[in-house]
Amino acid sequence: MIGRIFDGLGLRRRTPSIPAAAWRRLFPLIAPLYPEANVAMGLRMTQDMAFDARPAIRDFGWAARDFRPRFDQSMKTTVFRPLRMTRSSR
């Protein structure tokens, strides 16, 4: 899903993986900015939450809508600034 958001913004996909130990160490630093968040939320983002939809399709006739967002291109410069990575930050 995150990749499709980058596609909709016309940006290259960037989805860095953050190890669980890093979430635990860094969370106290960002907790004041997001008081309702917790470490478990970050840890959940490291798990593959995809599931097999065939049983829901078979049993309930479920049909997922396609997720292909399109954004006003002015958002790219005002809200979503691409992360610039240098060799030293890799």
C-alpha atoms as a PDB file:
ATOM      1  CA  MET A   1       0.000   0.000   0.000  1.00  0.00           C
ATOM      2  CA  ILE A   2       2.820   2.405   0.832  1.00  0.00           C
ATOM      3  CA  GLY A   3       4.345   1.719  -2.572  1.00  0.00           C
ATOM      4  CA  ARG A   4       1.102   2.685  -4.286  1.00  0.00           C
ATOM      5  CA  ILE A   5       1.062   6.007  -2.415  1.00  0.00           C
ATOM      6  CA  PHE A   6       4.540   6.772  -3.759  1.00  0.00           C
ATOM      7  CA  ASP A   7       3.306   5.752  -7.245  1.00  0.00           C
ATOM      8  CA  GLY A   8       0.350   8.132  -6.928  1.00  0.00           C
ATOM      9  CA  LEU A   9       2.709  10.956  -6.021  1.00  0.00           C
ATOM     10  CA  GLY A  10       4.954  10.141  -8.960  1.00  0.00           C
ATOM     11  CA  LEU A  11       7.886   9.374  -6.627  1.00  0.00           C
ATOM     12  CA  ARG A  12      10.279   6.438  -6.539  1.00  0.00           C
ATOM     13  CA  ARG A  13       9.207   3.805  -4.006  1.00  0.00           C
ATOM     14  CA  ARG A  14      11.121   4.016  -0.726  1.00  0.00           C
ATOM     15  CA  THR A  15      10.227   1.587   2.010  1.00  0.00           C
ATOM     16  CA  PRO A  16      13.164   1.137   4.351  1.00  0.00           C
ATOM     17  CA  SER A  17      13.002  -1.735   6.802  1.00  0.00           C
ATOM     18  CA  ILE A  18      13.569  -0.791  10.440  1.00  0.00           C
ATOM     19  CA  PRO A  19      14.648  -3.627  12.773  1.00  0.00           C
ATOM     20  CA  ALA A  20      12.578  -4.249  15.912  1.00  0.00           C
ATOM     21  CA  ALA A  21      15.516  -3.306  18.153  1.00  0.00           C
ATOM     22  CA  ALA A  22      15.704   0.094  16.455  1.00  0.00           C
ATOM     23  CA  TRP A  23      11.958   0.678  16.992  1.00  0.00           C
ATOM     24  CA  ARG A  24      12.388  -0.036  20.692  1.00  0.00           C
ATOM     25  CA  ARG A  25      15.411   2.264  21.047  1.00  0.00           C
ATOM     26  CA  LEU A  26      14.105   5.153  18.947  1.00  0.00           C
ATOM     27  CA  PHE A  27      10.493   5.186  20.083  1.00  0.00           C
ATOM     28  CA  PRO A  28      11.103   7.140  23.319  1.00  0.00           C
ATOM     29  CA  LEU A  29      12.531   9.957  21.181  1.00  0.00           C
ATOM     30  CA  ILE A  30       9.436  10.295  18.988  1.00  0.00           C
ATOM     31  CA  ALA A  31       6.835   9.444  21.662  1.00  0.00           C
ATOM     32  CA  PRO A  32       6.330  13.116  22.667  1.00  0.00           C
ATOM     33  CA  LEU A  33       5.346  13.909  19.065  1.00  0.00           C
ATOM     34  CA  TYR A  34       2.823  11.048  18.881  1.00  0.00           C
ATOM     35  CA  PRO A  35       1.464  10.524  22.416  1.00  0.00           C
ATOM     36  CA  GLU A  36      -1.218   8.046  21.316  1.00  0.00           C
ATOM     37  CA  ALA A  37       1.294   5.798  19.498  1.00  0.00           C
ATOM     38  CA  ASN A  38       3.184   2.893  21.025  1.00  0.00           C
ATOM     39  CA  VAL A  39       6.097   0.588  20.193  1.00  0.00           C
ATOM     40  CA  ALA A  40       3.737  -2.224  19.143  1.00  0.00           C
ATOM     41  CA  MET A  41       2.501  -0.050  16.262  1.00  0.00           C
ATOM     42  CA  GLY A  42       6.017   0.215  14.875  1.00  0.00           C
ATOM     43  CA  LEU A  43       6.697  -3.466  15.378  1.00  0.00           C
ATOM     44  CA  ARG A  44       3.469  -4.344  13.543  1.00  0.00           C
ATOM     45  CA  MET A  45       4.691  -2.387  10.518  1.00  0.00           C
ATOM     46  CA  THR A  46       7.584  -4.847  10.178  1.00  0.00           C
ATOM     47  CA  GLN A  47       5.188  -7.797   9.762  1.00  0.00           C
ATOM     48  CA  ASP A  48       3.684  -8.978   6.500  1.00  0.00           C
ATOM     49  CA  MET A  49      -0.052  -8.466   7.021  1.00  0.00           C
ATOM     50  CA  ALA A  50      -1.099  -9.782   3.604  1.00  0.00           C
ATOM     51  CA  PHE A  51      -3.667 -12.552   3.642  1.00  0.00           C
ATOM     52  CA  ASP A  52      -5.294 -14.949   1.210  1.00  0.00           C
ATOM     53  CA  ALA A  53      -8.582 -13.374   0.118  1.00  0.00           C
ATOM     54  CA  ARG A  54      -9.912 -16.501  -1.619  1.00  0.00           C
ATOM     55  CA  PRO A  55     -12.011 -17.731   1.350  1.00  0.00           C
ATOM     56  CA  ALA A  56     -13.714 -14.321   1.695  1.00  0.00           C
ATOM     57  CA  ILE A  57     -14.335 -14.186  -2.049  1.00  0.00           C
ATOM     58  CA  ARG A  58     -15.738 -17.727  -2.051  1.00  0.00           C
ATOM     59  CA  ASP A  59     -17.836 -17.458   1.128  1.00  0.00           C
ATOM     60  CA  PHE A  60     -19.070 -13.868   0.987  1.00  0.00           C
ATOM     61  CA  GLY A  61     -18.528 -12.688  -2.571  1.00  0.00           C
ATOM     62  CA  TRP A  62     -16.110 -10.098  -1.224  1.00  0.00           C
ATOM     63  CA  ALA A  63     -14.495  -7.922  -3.868  1.00  0.00           C
ATOM     64  CA  ALA A  64     -11.697  -5.593  -2.837  1.00  0.00           C
ATOM     65  CA  ARG A  65     -11.498  -2.259  -4.569  1.00  0.00           C
ATOM     66  CA  ASP A  66      -8.311  -1.434  -6.394  1.00  0.00           C
ATOM     67  CA  PHE A  67      -6.047   0.912  -4.425  1.00  0.00           C
ATOM     68  CA  ARG A  68      -4.327   3.222  -6.887  1.00  0.00           C
ATOM     69  CA  PRO A  69      -4.407   6.734  -5.402  1.00  0.00           C
ATOM     70  CA  ARG A  70      -3.723   9.815  -7.497  1.00  0.00           C
ATOM     71  CA  PHE A  71      -2.631  13.012  -5.832  1.00  0.00           C
ATOM     72  CA  ASP A  72      -2.522  16.613  -6.928  1.00  0.00           C
ATOM     73  CA  GLN A  73       1.096  17.046  -8.021  1.00  0.00           C
ATOM     74  CA  SER A  74       1.385  20.282  -6.020  1.00  0.00           C
ATOM     75  CA  MET A  75       1.333  18.081  -2.887  1.00  0.00           C
ATOM     76  CA  LYS A  76       4.660  16.580  -3.893  1.00  0.00           C
ATOM     77  CA  THR A  77       6.503  19.809  -3.179  1.00  0.00           C
ATOM     78  CA  THR A  78       4.451  21.095  -0.251  1.00  0.00           C
ATOM     79  CA  VAL A  79       3.745  17.993   1.815  1.00  0.00           C
ATOM     80  CA  PHE A  80       5.829  15.041   0.663  1.00  0.00           C
ATOM     81  CA  ARG A  81       9.458  15.946   0.183  1.00  0.00           C
ATOM     82  CA  PRO A  82      11.552  13.028  -1.083  1.00  0.00           C
ATOM     83  CA  LEU A  83      14.232  11.787   1.279  1.00  0.00           C
ATOM     84  CA  ARG A  84      17.679  12.497  -0.125  1.00  0.00           C
ATOM     85  CA  MET A  85      20.115   9.761   0.816  1.00  0.00           C
ATOM     86  CA  THR A  86      23.835  10.296   0.613  1.00  0.00           C
ATOM     87  CA  ARG A  87      26.459   7.584   0.656  1.00  0.00           C
ATOM     88  CA  SER A  88      27.307   8.431   4.269  1.00  0.00           C
ATOM     89  CA  SER A  89      23.673   7.975   5.412  1.00  0.00           C
ATOM     90  CA  ARG A  90      23.262   4.483   3.930  1.00  0.00           C
END
